Amino acid sequence: MTDGEKTRKPYVYPHRHCAYCGRMIEVKGRSYCLKCKPEFEKDQGKQKRSKRYRQFLIAYAVVIVIVFVVLIFLLGR
């Protein structure tokens, strides 16, 4: 055998690994296998709720700042 034959690696077709269980999956635009789909959807729901909560907190902080600025302006007169 020559050196070229010894170092030759087998062909591995393009694939990804599931983000939850690590299983090999085809490249089809998703990052989970079909077995882990319920867990993926559950995580998506959690992310949506936390995003909505962060937006609420930011809006609340902005309203509080505006109220304080208006109060300071009115009391300063």
N, C-alpha and C. Protein backbone atom coordinates (compact mmCIF):
# COMPACT_ATOMS: atom_id res chain seq x y z
N MET A 1 0.84 -1.19 0.00
CA MET A 1 0.00 0.00 0.00
C MET A 1 0.88 1.25 0.00
N THR A 2 0.39 2.26 -0.67
CA THR A 2 1.14 3.51 -0.70
C THR A 2 0.59 4.44 0.38
N ASP A 3 1.29 5.53 0.60
CA ASP A 3 0.85 6.50 1.61
C ASP A 3 -0.51 7.10 1.26
N GLY A 4 -0.77 7.32 -0.02
CA GLY A 4 -2.04 7.90 -0.46
C GLY A 4 -3.22 7.03 -0.12
N GLU A 5 -3.06 5.72 -0.20
CA GLU A 5 -4.15 4.80 0.11
C GLU A 5 -4.39 4.70 1.61
N LYS A 6 -3.34 4.83 2.40
CA LYS A 6 -3.49 4.75 3.86
C LYS A 6 -4.21 5.96 4.44
N THR A 7 -3.97 7.15 3.90
CA THR A 7 -4.55 8.37 4.46
C THR A 7 -5.88 8.73 3.83
N ARG A 8 -6.35 7.96 2.88
CA ARG A 8 -7.61 8.26 2.21
C ARG A 8 -8.78 8.09 3.18
N LYS A 9 -9.60 9.11 3.28
CA LYS A 9 -10.72 9.08 4.21
C LYS A 9 -11.99 8.69 3.46
N PRO A 10 -12.89 8.00 4.11
CA PRO A 10 -14.15 7.65 3.44
C PRO A 10 -15.01 8.90 3.22
N TYR A 11 -15.84 8.88 2.19
CA TYR A 11 -16.71 10.01 1.89
C TYR A 11 -17.85 10.07 2.90
N VAL A 12 -18.06 11.23 3.46
CA VAL A 12 -19.19 11.46 4.38
C VAL A 12 -20.09 12.47 3.71
N TYR A 13 -21.34 12.08 3.44
CA TYR A 13 -22.25 12.98 2.74
C TYR A 13 -22.63 14.16 3.63
N PRO A 14 -23.01 15.29 3.05
CA PRO A 14 -23.36 16.49 3.84
C PRO A 14 -24.50 16.20 4.82
N HIS A 15 -24.29 16.56 6.05
CA HIS A 15 -25.30 16.32 7.08
C HIS A 15 -25.10 17.31 8.22
N ARG A 16 -26.06 17.28 9.13
CA ARG A 16 -25.99 18.07 10.36
C ARG A 16 -26.26 17.13 11.52
N HIS A 17 -26.17 17.66 12.71
CA HIS A 17 -26.51 16.89 13.89
C HIS A 17 -27.62 17.60 14.64
N CYS A 18 -28.53 16.81 15.18
CA CYS A 18 -29.67 17.34 15.93
C CYS A 18 -29.15 18.15 17.11
N ALA A 19 -29.73 19.32 17.32
CA ALA A 19 -29.31 20.19 18.41
C ALA A 19 -29.69 19.63 19.78
N TYR A 20 -30.60 18.67 19.82
CA TYR A 20 -31.09 18.14 21.10
C TYR A 20 -30.49 16.78 21.45
N CYS A 21 -30.47 15.85 20.49
CA CYS A 21 -29.99 14.51 20.81
C CYS A 21 -28.67 14.17 20.12
N GLY A 22 -28.21 14.97 19.16
CA GLY A 22 -26.95 14.74 18.50
C GLY A 22 -26.99 13.75 17.35
N ARG A 23 -28.17 13.25 17.02
CA ARG A 23 -28.31 12.33 15.90
C ARG A 23 -27.97 13.00 14.58
N MET A 24 -27.48 12.22 13.63
CA MET A 24 -27.16 12.76 12.32
C MET A 24 -28.46 12.95 11.53
N ILE A 25 -28.64 14.12 10.93
CA ILE A 25 -29.83 14.40 10.12
C ILE A 25 -29.40 15.00 8.80
N GLU A 26 -30.29 14.95 7.83
CA GLU A 26 -30.00 15.54 6.53
C GLU A 26 -30.08 17.06 6.63
N VAL A 27 -29.43 17.73 5.70
CA VAL A 27 -29.45 19.19 5.67
C VAL A 27 -30.73 19.60 4.95
N LYS A 28 -31.73 19.97 5.71
CA LYS A 28 -33.02 20.38 5.14
C LYS A 28 -33.55 21.65 5.77
N GLY A 29 -32.69 22.43 6.37
CA GLY A 29 -33.13 23.70 6.92
C GLY A 29 -33.65 23.64 8.34
N ARG A 30 -33.59 22.50 8.97
CA ARG A 30 -34.01 22.44 10.37
C ARG A 30 -32.86 21.91 11.20
N SER A 31 -32.84 22.23 12.46
CA SER A 31 -31.71 21.86 13.32
C SER A 31 -32.09 20.78 14.33
N TYR A 32 -33.14 20.01 14.07
CA TYR A 32 -33.59 18.97 14.98
C TYR A 32 -34.08 17.78 14.17
N CYS A 33 -34.08 16.61 14.78
CA CYS A 33 -34.61 15.43 14.12
C CYS A 33 -36.11 15.35 14.41
N LEU A 34 -36.81 14.51 13.69
CA LEU A 34 -38.26 14.42 13.87
C LEU A 34 -38.64 13.92 15.25
N LYS A 35 -37.76 13.13 15.87
CA LYS A 35 -38.01 12.63 17.22
C LYS A 35 -38.02 13.78 18.23
N CYS A 36 -37.23 14.81 17.98
CA CYS A 36 -37.10 15.93 18.91
C CYS A 36 -37.98 17.12 18.56
N LYS A 37 -38.89 16.97 17.61
CA LYS A 37 -39.74 18.09 17.19
C LYS A 37 -40.57 18.66 18.34
N PRO A 38 -41.20 17.82 19.20
CA PRO A 38 -41.96 18.41 20.32
C PRO A 38 -41.09 19.25 21.26
N GLU A 39 -39.87 18.79 21.50
CA GLU A 39 -38.97 19.56 22.37
C GLU A 39 -38.59 20.88 21.70
N PHE A 40 -38.38 20.86 20.39
CA PHE A 40 -38.06 22.08 19.65
C PHE A 40 -39.21 23.08 19.75
N GLU A 41 -40.44 22.60 19.54
CA GLU A 41 -41.60 23.49 19.61
C GLU A 41 -41.78 24.05 21.01
N LYS A 42 -41.50 23.24 22.02
CA LYS A 42 -41.58 23.70 23.41
C LYS A 42 -40.57 24.82 23.66
N ASP A 43 -39.34 24.64 23.17
CA ASP A 43 -38.32 25.67 23.32
C ASP A 43 -38.68 26.94 22.57
N GLN A 44 -39.30 26.80 21.40
CA GLN A 44 -39.72 27.98 20.63
C GLN A 44 -40.76 28.77 21.41
N GLY A 45 -41.70 28.08 22.06
CA GLY A 45 -42.70 28.76 22.88
C GLY A 45 -42.07 29.52 24.03
N LYS A 46 -41.08 28.89 24.68
CA LYS A 46 -40.38 29.56 25.78
C LYS A 46 -39.66 30.81 25.29
N GLN A 47 -39.02 30.71 24.13
CA GLN A 47 -38.30 31.86 23.59
C GLN A 47 -39.25 33.00 23.24
N LYS A 48 -40.43 32.67 22.69
CA LYS A 48 -41.41 33.71 22.36
C LYS A 48 -41.90 34.41 23.62
N ARG A 49 -42.18 33.62 24.67
CA ARG A 49 -42.66 34.21 25.92
C ARG A 49 -41.60 35.10 26.54
N SER A 50 -40.34 34.66 26.53
CA SER A 50 -39.30 35.48 27.15
C SER A 50 -39.05 36.75 26.33
N LYS A 51 -39.19 36.66 25.01
CA LYS A 51 -39.03 37.85 24.18
C LYS A 51 -40.15 38.85 24.48
N ARG A 52 -41.37 38.36 24.59
CA ARG A 52 -42.50 39.23 24.91
C ARG A 52 -42.31 39.88 26.29
N TYR A 53 -41.81 39.11 27.25
CA TYR A 53 -41.58 39.62 28.60
C TYR A 53 -40.51 40.72 28.59
N ARG A 54 -39.41 40.50 27.85
CA ARG A 54 -38.36 41.52 27.75
C ARG A 54 -38.90 42.79 27.11
N GLN A 55 -39.71 42.66 26.08
CA GLN A 55 -40.29 43.84 25.43
C GLN A 55 -41.18 44.60 26.40
N PHE A 56 -41.95 43.87 27.20
CA PHE A 56 -42.80 44.51 28.21
C PHE A 56 -41.96 45.27 29.23
N LEU A 57 -40.88 44.66 29.69
CA LEU A 57 -40.03 45.33 30.68
C LEU A 57 -39.39 46.59 30.11
N ILE A 58 -38.95 46.53 28.87
CA ILE A 58 -38.36 47.72 28.25
C ILE A 58 -39.39 48.83 28.12
N ALA A 59 -40.61 48.48 27.67
CA ALA A 59 -41.67 49.48 27.54
C ALA A 59 -42.02 50.07 28.91
N TYR A 60 -42.07 49.22 29.92
CA TYR A 60 -42.38 49.67 31.27
C TYR A 60 -41.30 50.64 31.76
N ALA A 61 -40.03 50.33 31.53
CA ALA A 61 -38.94 51.20 31.96
C ALA A 61 -39.01 52.55 31.24
N VAL A 62 -39.33 52.53 29.96
CA VAL A 62 -39.43 53.78 29.20
C VAL A 62 -40.57 54.64 29.74
N VAL A 63 -41.70 54.03 30.05
CA VAL A 63 -42.84 54.78 30.60
C VAL A 63 -42.48 55.38 31.95
N ILE A 64 -41.80 54.63 32.80
CA ILE A 64 -41.39 55.13 34.11
C ILE A 64 -40.44 56.33 33.95
N VAL A 65 -39.50 56.24 33.04
CA VAL A 65 -38.56 57.34 32.82
C VAL A 65 -39.32 58.58 32.33
N ILE A 66 -40.25 58.39 31.42
CA ILE A 66 -41.03 59.53 30.91
C ILE A 66 -41.84 60.17 32.03
N VAL A 67 -42.44 59.36 32.88
CA VAL A 67 -43.23 59.89 34.00
C VAL A 67 -42.32 60.70 34.93
N PHE A 68 -41.14 60.20 35.25
CA PHE A 68 -40.23 60.94 36.12
C PHE A 68 -39.78 62.25 35.47
N VAL A 69 -39.49 62.22 34.20
CA VAL A 69 -39.07 63.44 33.51
C VAL A 69 -40.20 64.48 33.53
N VAL A 70 -41.43 64.05 33.29
CA VAL A 70 -42.57 64.97 33.30
C VAL A 70 -42.78 65.52 34.71
N LEU A 71 -42.67 64.65 35.72
CA LEU A 71 -42.83 65.12 37.10
C LEU A 71 -41.75 66.13 37.48
N ILE A 72 -40.52 65.85 37.13
CA ILE A 72 -39.43 66.78 37.41
C ILE A 72 -39.65 68.11 36.69
N PHE A 73 -40.09 68.04 35.46
CA PHE A 73 -40.35 69.25 34.69
C PHE A 73 -41.48 70.07 35.32
N LEU A 74 -42.55 69.40 35.73
CA LEU A 74 -43.70 70.11 36.30
C LEU A 74 -43.38 70.66 37.70
N LEU A 75 -42.61 69.92 38.49
CA LEU A 75 -42.28 70.39 39.84
C LEU A 75 -41.21 71.48 39.82
N GLY A 76 -40.44 71.51 38.74
CA GLY A 76 -39.38 72.51 38.64
C GLY A 76 -39.91 73.88 38.30
N ARG A 77 -41.10 73.99 37.86
CA ARG A 77 -41.67 75.29 37.49
C ARG A 77 -42.01 76.12 38.66
